[in-house]
């Protein structure tokens, strides 16, 4: 196989898998309600399963109940009318996992990673559900498009332009050219939505910030894989690896959104 063919060898499976995932995601986003709650809760539970397998090694089979608890906690939280108990619900699986997870490879570090990243997964999942429930299909599609365009623009620019690495120690394939292309792509999406839906320049700025958060989410997951010495979080998705490999950027983007929403709802001068 030539170098060029090898360079693009994973494109076919990636595109097919992406089309299938996009179709499922768009259908759930369009339907809303129970369907988006179920899809996001199930996906987040499966991400926790991948995280547990990576961190727990041979003891992972003993901790398969953690993903079930995580997905159930998110699903229950999405229907909880009392705001004050939502965060404890989302954090409970992290704390339980911290006390129960066993790992032969630096066990305390593995438990800390599980606690932190499981919290990120569930809070980001709740952010996605809240975005669809509270702001409707348009802004949910905006987020999906920003993350997808950031990833696609970064993939092709990185492959074609190459250049200096963004953070070679953690993510050796990510380049500055791909990173910058992702920002440009996100800005274009933001401009389109600002023109058609409204929001002005703020939508463009938030789109670029979401793109950066998406890229940092990708890097965070890469750091975990490097810590445990695996290439992919799992092999569930042909051409992409696991759900964490595919949706790590979405986790980062959704986490940023819920932080922004919190500070809009509760400005710093009201918290002191």
Protein backbone atom coordinates (compact mmCIF):
# COMPACT_ATOMS: atom_id res chain seq x y z
CA UNK A 1 0.00 0.00 0.00
CA UNK A 2 1.35 3.44 -0.95
CA UNK A 3 1.95 6.13 1.62
CA UNK A 4 -0.93 8.19 0.23
CA UNK A 5 -3.34 5.25 0.38
CA UNK A 6 -2.23 4.48 3.92
CA UNK A 7 -2.70 8.11 4.89
CA UNK A 8 -6.35 8.07 3.84
CA UNK A 9 -7.03 4.37 4.47
CA UNK A 10 -9.41 4.99 7.36
CA UNK A 11 -11.53 7.55 5.52
CA UNK A 12 -14.13 5.08 4.18
CA UNK A 13 -15.04 3.45 7.52
CA UNK A 14 -14.94 6.85 9.23
CA UNK A 15 -17.39 8.38 6.76
CA UNK A 16 -19.82 5.44 6.86
CA UNK A 17 -19.80 5.31 10.66
CA UNK A 18 -20.20 9.08 10.84
CA UNK A 19 -23.24 8.97 8.52
CA UNK A 20 -24.92 6.30 10.64
CA UNK A 21 -24.19 8.13 13.91
CA UNK A 22 -25.34 11.42 12.40
CA UNK A 23 -28.62 9.85 11.26
CA UNK A 24 -29.31 8.41 14.72
CA UNK A 25 -28.34 11.66 16.42
CA UNK A 26 -30.42 13.88 14.14
CA UNK A 27 -33.45 11.60 14.54
CA UNK A 28 -33.19 11.76 18.36
CA UNK A 29 -32.60 15.52 18.32
CA UNK A 30 -35.59 16.01 16.04
CA UNK A 31 -37.84 13.84 18.23
CA UNK A 32 -36.61 15.36 21.49
CA UNK A 33 -38.15 14.41 24.81
CA UNK A 34 -37.75 10.80 25.86
CA UNK A 35 -35.70 9.88 22.78
CA UNK A 36 -32.94 12.41 23.30
CA UNK A 37 -32.90 11.60 27.03
CA UNK A 38 -32.53 7.89 26.29
CA UNK A 39 -29.88 8.34 23.59
CA UNK A 40 -27.68 10.67 25.62
CA UNK A 41 -28.06 8.63 28.84
CA UNK A 42 -27.23 5.39 27.01
CA UNK A 43 -24.26 6.93 25.19
CA UNK A 44 -22.87 8.41 28.41
CA UNK A 45 -23.29 5.08 30.20
CA UNK A 46 -21.34 3.38 27.40
CA UNK A 47 -18.60 6.02 27.65
CA UNK A 48 -18.30 5.28 31.36
CA UNK A 49 -18.05 1.58 30.42
CA UNK A 50 -15.15 2.38 28.08
CA UNK A 51 -13.49 4.49 30.75
CA UNK A 52 -13.91 1.72 33.34
CA UNK A 53 -12.38 -0.87 31.00
CA UNK A 54 -9.40 1.36 30.24
CA UNK A 55 -8.67 2.18 33.87
CA UNK A 56 -9.61 -1.05 35.63
CA UNK A 57 -7.75 -3.45 33.33
CA UNK A 58 -8.41 -7.08 34.25
CA UNK A 59 -10.71 -5.98 37.07
CA UNK A 60 -13.00 -4.17 34.64
CA UNK A 61 -15.49 -7.04 34.51
CA UNK A 62 -16.14 -6.56 38.23
CA UNK A 63 -17.16 -2.94 37.66
CA UNK A 64 -19.65 -3.24 34.81
CA UNK A 65 -22.39 -1.99 37.11
CA UNK A 66 -20.79 1.45 37.22
CA UNK A 67 -21.85 2.33 33.63
CA UNK A 68 -25.41 1.20 34.41
CA UNK A 69 -25.52 3.39 37.51
CA UNK A 70 -24.05 6.31 35.55
CA UNK A 71 -26.54 6.10 32.69
CA UNK A 72 -29.44 5.68 35.11
CA UNK A 73 -28.30 8.66 37.20
CA UNK A 74 -28.20 10.90 34.13
CA UNK A 75 -31.61 9.71 32.94
CA UNK A 76 -33.17 10.33 36.36
CA UNK A 77 -31.47 13.73 36.63
CA UNK A 78 -32.91 14.75 33.26
CA UNK A 79 -36.41 14.34 34.70
CA UNK A 80 -35.71 15.73 38.17
CA UNK A 81 -37.67 18.95 38.81
CA UNK A 82 -35.66 19.91 41.90
CA UNK A 83 -32.49 21.72 40.78
CA UNK A 84 -30.68 21.27 44.08
CA UNK A 85 -30.45 17.48 43.78
CA UNK A 86 -29.40 17.29 40.12
CA UNK A 87 -25.69 17.85 40.75
CA UNK A 88 -25.49 15.28 43.59
CA UNK A 89 -27.22 12.76 41.29
CA UNK A 90 -24.68 13.39 38.52
CA UNK A 91 -21.69 13.24 40.89
CA UNK A 92 -22.78 10.13 42.79
CA UNK A 93 -21.43 7.58 40.23
CA UNK A 94 -18.04 9.36 40.26
CA UNK A 95 -17.78 9.12 44.04
CA UNK A 96 -18.96 5.51 44.11
CA UNK A 97 -16.47 4.59 41.40
CA UNK A 98 -13.66 6.34 43.24
CA UNK A 99 -14.24 4.11 46.26
CA UNK A 100 -14.87 0.87 44.33
CA UNK A 101 -12.73 0.92 41.18
CA UNK A 102 -9.71 -1.35 41.25
CA UNK A 103 -6.69 -0.97 39.01
CA UNK A 104 -3.35 -2.69 38.86
CA UNK A 105 -1.77 0.33 37.15
CA UNK A 106 -1.33 3.20 39.63
CA UNK A 107 -4.67 2.52 41.34
CA UNK A 108 -5.08 5.87 43.08
CA UNK A 109 -4.36 7.80 39.88
CA UNK A 110 -6.83 5.60 38.02
CA UNK A 111 -9.55 6.27 40.58
CA UNK A 112 -8.94 10.01 40.42
CA UNK A 113 -9.18 9.96 36.62
CA UNK A 114 -12.40 7.95 36.84
CA UNK A 115 -13.92 10.33 39.37
CA UNK A 116 -13.08 13.45 37.38
CA UNK A 117 -13.85 12.18 33.88
CA UNK A 118 -17.08 10.40 34.81
CA UNK A 119 -18.29 13.68 36.30
CA UNK A 120 -17.36 15.41 33.04
CA UNK A 121 -19.25 12.79 30.99
CA UNK A 122 -22.45 13.03 33.05
CA UNK A 123 -22.48 16.83 33.45
CA UNK A 124 -21.81 17.25 29.73
CA UNK A 125 -24.56 14.74 28.96
CA UNK A 126 -26.97 16.70 31.14
CA UNK A 127 -25.93 19.87 29.31
CA UNK A 128 -26.84 18.29 25.97
CA UNK A 129 -30.25 17.19 27.25
CA UNK A 130 -30.91 20.62 28.79
CA UNK A 131 -29.86 22.37 25.57
CA UNK A 132 -32.44 20.40 23.57
CA UNK A 133 -35.15 20.70 26.23
CA UNK A 134 -34.70 24.39 27.05
CA UNK A 135 -33.43 25.97 23.81
CA UNK A 136 -34.92 23.74 21.15
CA UNK A 137 -33.74 21.92 18.08
CA UNK A 138 -32.08 24.88 16.35
CA UNK A 139 -29.41 25.48 18.98
CA UNK A 140 -28.87 21.77 19.48
CA UNK A 141 -28.13 21.50 15.75
CA UNK A 142 -25.85 24.54 16.05
CA UNK A 143 -23.76 22.74 18.68
CA UNK A 144 -23.63 19.53 16.65
CA UNK A 145 -22.56 21.43 13.53
CA UNK A 146 -19.86 23.41 15.36
CA UNK A 147 -18.33 20.24 16.81
CA UNK A 148 -18.62 18.26 13.55
CA UNK A 149 -17.20 21.06 11.39
CA UNK A 150 -14.38 21.63 13.87
CA UNK A 151 -13.47 17.95 13.70
CA UNK A 152 -13.82 17.58 9.92
CA UNK A 153 -11.96 20.81 9.11
CA UNK A 154 -9.21 19.87 11.54
CA UNK A 155 -8.95 16.35 10.12
CA UNK A 156 -8.57 17.40 6.50
CA UNK A 157 -6.38 20.44 7.17
CA UNK A 158 -4.11 18.38 9.40
CA UNK A 159 -3.83 15.63 6.77
CA UNK A 160 -3.23 17.98 3.85
CA UNK A 161 -1.22 20.79 5.43
CA UNK A 162 0.55 19.05 8.30
CA UNK A 163 2.99 21.32 10.08
CA UNK A 164 3.90 21.80 13.74
CA UNK A 165 2.13 19.67 16.30
CA UNK A 166 -0.35 21.31 18.68
CA UNK A 167 0.59 19.20 21.73
CA UNK A 168 2.78 16.30 20.58
CA UNK A 169 3.35 14.89 24.04
CA UNK A 170 -0.37 14.21 24.53
CA UNK A 171 -1.88 14.11 21.03
CA UNK A 172 0.84 13.49 18.44
CA UNK A 173 -1.50 13.67 15.42
CA UNK A 174 -3.08 17.05 16.17
CA UNK A 175 -1.46 19.93 14.30
CA UNK A 176 -1.71 23.69 14.59
CA UNK A 177 -3.01 23.85 11.02
CA UNK A 178 -5.85 21.47 11.86
CA UNK A 179 -6.57 23.29 15.12
CA UNK A 180 -6.78 26.68 13.40
CA UNK A 181 -8.90 25.23 10.59
CA UNK A 182 -11.34 23.99 13.22
CA UNK A 183 -11.66 27.52 14.64
CA UNK A 184 -12.28 28.95 11.17
CA UNK A 185 -14.90 26.31 10.42
CA UNK A 186 -16.66 26.98 13.72
CA UNK A 187 -16.64 30.72 13.03
CA UNK A 188 -18.29 30.11 9.66
CA UNK A 189 -21.01 28.02 11.32
CA UNK A 190 -21.47 30.79 13.89
CA UNK A 191 -21.79 33.44 11.18
CA UNK A 192 -24.42 31.39 9.34
CA UNK A 193 -26.49 30.97 12.50
CA UNK A 194 -26.02 34.63 13.47
CA UNK A 195 -27.40 35.66 10.09
CA UNK A 196 -30.31 33.21 10.01
CA UNK A 197 -31.30 32.84 13.67
CA UNK A 198 -29.84 35.89 15.38
CA UNK A 199 -27.38 36.55 18.15
CA UNK A 200 -24.90 38.70 16.26
CA UNK A 201 -21.17 38.49 16.78
CA UNK A 202 -21.58 36.81 20.17
CA UNK A 203 -22.70 33.62 18.42
CA UNK A 204 -19.51 33.66 16.34
CA UNK A 205 -17.33 34.16 19.41
CA UNK A 206 -19.10 31.42 21.37
CA UNK A 207 -18.82 29.10 18.34
CA UNK A 208 -15.04 29.54 18.29
CA UNK A 209 -14.88 29.04 22.08
CA UNK A 210 -16.95 25.87 21.71
CA UNK A 211 -14.55 24.68 18.99
CA UNK A 212 -11.58 25.20 21.33
CA UNK A 213 -13.40 23.39 24.15
CA UNK A 214 -14.12 20.54 21.73
CA UNK A 215 -10.44 20.28 20.84
CA UNK A 216 -9.43 20.35 24.50
CA UNK A 217 -11.93 17.56 25.15
CA UNK A 218 -10.18 15.53 22.47
CA UNK A 219 -6.81 16.20 24.06
CA UNK A 220 -8.06 15.27 27.54
CA UNK A 221 -9.25 11.88 26.30
CA UNK A 222 -5.96 11.38 24.45
CA UNK A 223 -4.11 12.03 27.72
CA UNK A 224 -6.16 9.31 29.46
CA UNK A 225 -5.42 6.81 26.69
CA UNK A 226 -1.74 7.67 26.86
CA UNK A 227 -1.83 7.18 30.64
CA UNK A 228 -3.24 3.65 30.33
CA UNK A 229 -1.37 2.78 27.13
CA UNK A 230 -4.21 2.14 24.68
CA UNK A 231 -4.83 3.42 21.15
CA UNK A 232 -8.63 3.53 21.27
CA UNK A 233 -11.15 3.60 24.10
CA UNK A 234 -12.85 0.58 22.48
CA UNK A 235 -13.62 -0.81 19.02
CA UNK A 236 -17.36 -0.12 19.00
CA UNK A 237 -17.29 2.26 16.01
CA UNK A 238 -15.42 1.21 12.81
CA UNK A 239 -12.89 3.83 11.80
CA UNK A 240 -13.36 5.84 14.99
CA UNK A 241 -12.57 3.49 17.88
CA UNK A 242 -14.98 3.96 20.75
CA UNK A 243 -17.65 6.41 21.76
CA UNK A 244 -15.14 8.37 23.81
CA UNK A 245 -12.87 8.61 20.78
CA UNK A 246 -15.72 10.01 18.72
CA UNK A 247 -17.55 12.19 21.25
CA UNK A 248 -14.72 13.46 23.44
CA UNK A 249 -14.97 16.79 21.63
CA UNK A 250 -18.73 16.95 22.22
CA UNK A 251 -18.11 16.42 25.94
CA UNK A 252 -15.75 19.38 26.07
CA UNK A 253 -18.13 21.59 24.09
CA UNK A 254 -21.16 20.67 26.18
CA UNK A 255 -19.24 21.20 29.42
CA UNK A 256 -18.29 24.72 28.31
CA UNK A 257 -21.92 25.49 27.46
CA UNK A 258 -23.25 24.51 30.87
CA UNK A 259 -20.52 26.58 32.57
CA UNK A 260 -21.43 29.59 30.41
CA UNK A 261 -25.12 29.05 31.15
CA UNK A 262 -24.40 28.89 34.88
CA UNK A 263 -22.54 32.19 34.91
CA UNK A 264 -25.22 33.85 32.79
CA UNK A 265 -27.91 32.66 35.19
CA UNK A 266 -25.83 33.42 38.31
CA UNK A 267 -23.38 36.27 37.61
CA UNK A 268 -20.39 36.43 40.00
CA UNK A 269 -21.76 39.53 41.78
CA UNK A 270 -24.85 37.52 42.81
CA UNK A 271 -22.87 34.64 44.31
CA UNK A 272 -20.87 36.53 46.90
